[in-house]
Protein backbone atom coordinates (compact mmCIF):
# COMPACT_ATOMS: atom_id res chain seq x y z
CA MET A 1 -0.11 0.09 0.15
CA PRO A 2 1.76 3.43 -0.70
CA CYS A 3 2.57 5.31 1.74
CA THR A 4 0.10 8.83 2.94
CA LEU A 5 1.54 12.75 3.31
CA ILE A 6 0.48 14.36 6.48
CA ILE A 7 -0.07 17.77 5.82
CA ARG A 8 -1.92 21.19 8.08
CA GLY A 9 -5.37 20.66 7.14
CA GLY A 10 -5.70 17.00 5.38
CA GLU A 11 -4.31 14.09 3.80
CA ILE A 12 -2.36 13.11 0.26
CA ASN A 13 -2.31 8.88 -0.86
CA LEU A 14 0.76 9.27 -2.60
CA SER A 15 2.14 7.08 -5.28
CA GLU A 16 3.54 3.56 -5.36
CA ALA A 17 6.72 4.90 -6.13
CA GLU A 18 7.42 6.76 -3.49
CA ALA A 19 8.12 5.05 -0.78
CA PHE A 20 8.56 5.70 3.06
CA THR A 21 11.83 5.96 3.47
CA LYS A 22 12.26 8.11 0.60
CA VAL A 23 9.73 10.09 1.34
CA ARG A 24 10.86 10.90 5.29
CA ARG A 25 14.22 11.37 4.44
CA ARG A 26 13.78 14.08 1.76
CA ILE A 27 10.86 15.89 4.51
CA GLU A 28 13.54 15.84 6.87
CA ALA A 29 16.25 16.91 4.17
CA ALA A 30 13.80 19.73 2.99
CA LYS A 31 13.24 20.92 6.62
CA LYS A 32 16.96 21.17 7.16
CA ASN A 33 17.51 22.95 4.03
CA ARG A 34 15.27 25.60 5.04
CA ILE A 35 16.26 25.86 8.79
CA ASP A 36 19.68 26.52 7.34
CA TYR A 37 18.55 28.62 5.09
CA SER A 38 17.03 30.75 7.26
CA LEU A 39 19.37 31.04 9.55
CA GLY A 40 22.06 32.79 6.51
CA ASN A 41 24.23 29.45 5.96
CA THR A 42 23.36 29.72 2.33
CA GLU A 43 27.00 28.75 0.67
CA LYS A 44 25.79 24.74 -0.40
CA PHE A 45 22.59 26.66 -1.50
CA THR A 46 24.72 27.62 -4.57
CA ASP A 47 24.80 23.49 -5.19
CA GLY A 48 21.17 23.11 -5.86
CA ALA A 49 20.08 22.08 -2.84
CA ALA A 50 16.42 21.71 -2.43
CA THR A 51 14.25 23.31 0.36
CA GLU A 52 10.88 22.41 -1.91
CA ILE A 53 9.47 19.26 -2.26
CA ILE A 54 7.54 17.48 -5.14
CA PHE A 55 5.62 14.30 -4.58
CA LEU A 56 3.57 11.62 -6.94
CA THR A 57 0.43 11.25 -6.24
CA ASP A 58 -1.95 8.69 -7.21
CA MET A 59 -5.34 10.38 -9.35
CA GLY A 60 -7.62 7.21 -9.55
CA GLU A 61 -8.15 5.57 -12.89
CA ASP A 62 -8.86 6.27 -16.14
CA ASP A 63 -11.53 4.24 -17.79
CA ASP A 64 -9.39 2.09 -18.76
CA GLY A 65 -8.57 0.60 -15.46
CA ASN A 66 -4.76 2.48 -15.45
CA THR A 67 -3.22 4.30 -12.09
CA LEU A 68 -3.11 7.87 -13.50
CA THR A 69 -0.03 10.03 -11.16
CA GLY A 70 0.37 12.91 -11.18
CA ARG A 71 2.53 15.45 -8.58
CA VAL A 72 1.56 17.86 -6.35
CA PHE A 73 3.45 20.49 -5.16
CA VAL A 74 3.09 20.59 -1.03
CA ASP A 75 5.08 23.63 0.89
CA ILE A 76 7.35 22.07 3.81
CA GLY A 77 6.06 23.96 6.78
CA ASP A 78 2.94 22.77 6.54
CA VAL A 79 3.80 18.87 6.36
CA ILE A 80 3.80 17.24 9.53
CA GLY A 81 5.04 13.50 8.49
CA VAL A 82 4.53 10.35 6.44
CA MET A 83 2.97 7.10 7.43
CA SER A 84 2.41 3.92 6.19
CA ASP A 85 0.33 0.65 6.58
CA GLU A 86 3.10 -1.36 5.79
CA TYR A 87 5.80 -2.57 9.11
CA LYS A 88 8.90 -1.77 6.49
CA ASP A 89 9.16 -0.19 2.33
CA LYS A 90 9.77 -4.03 1.13
CA GLY A 91 7.35 -6.58 1.60
CA GLY A 92 3.97 -6.53 3.66
CA PRO A 93 2.43 -5.45 6.57
CA TYR A 94 4.34 -6.82 10.27
CA LYS A 95 4.00 -10.18 11.62
CA PRO A 96 5.51 -10.97 14.91
CA GLU A 97 7.38 -13.35 15.74
CA LYS A 98 5.43 -16.17 18.24
CA ASP A 99 7.49 -15.74 20.43
CA ASP A 100 7.27 -12.12 20.64
CA ASP A 101 3.23 -12.54 22.26
CA ASN A 102 3.99 -14.66 25.15
CA GLY A 103 4.19 -12.66 27.97
CA ASP A 104 7.53 -14.81 29.52
CA ASP A 105 9.89 -11.94 29.38
CA GLU A 106 10.09 -12.08 33.46
CA GLU A 107 13.23 -14.60 34.48
CA GLU A 108 12.26 -16.86 37.58
């Protein structure tokens, strides 16, 4: 399942191409760059460091059942976070080991 971008005022379902870890790292980098830029640390911005990010988003399906992918630009100041219902980027939902729930953690 794709991840969801949580922003001020709502949520945006992102495309399958947008992995949770990739989105999280892009958000963290953009927020750090915005702080650096506002503090006057502008030397690195000649290299094109990003303070703004664009995400791919699913726009539904067309009449033939093909997924329509679009782009969305969100000001980094409005981004709260990202969420996913998968345990990791690759694989399915988290399935705890059988020994995780036995409650025998105490030594006797």
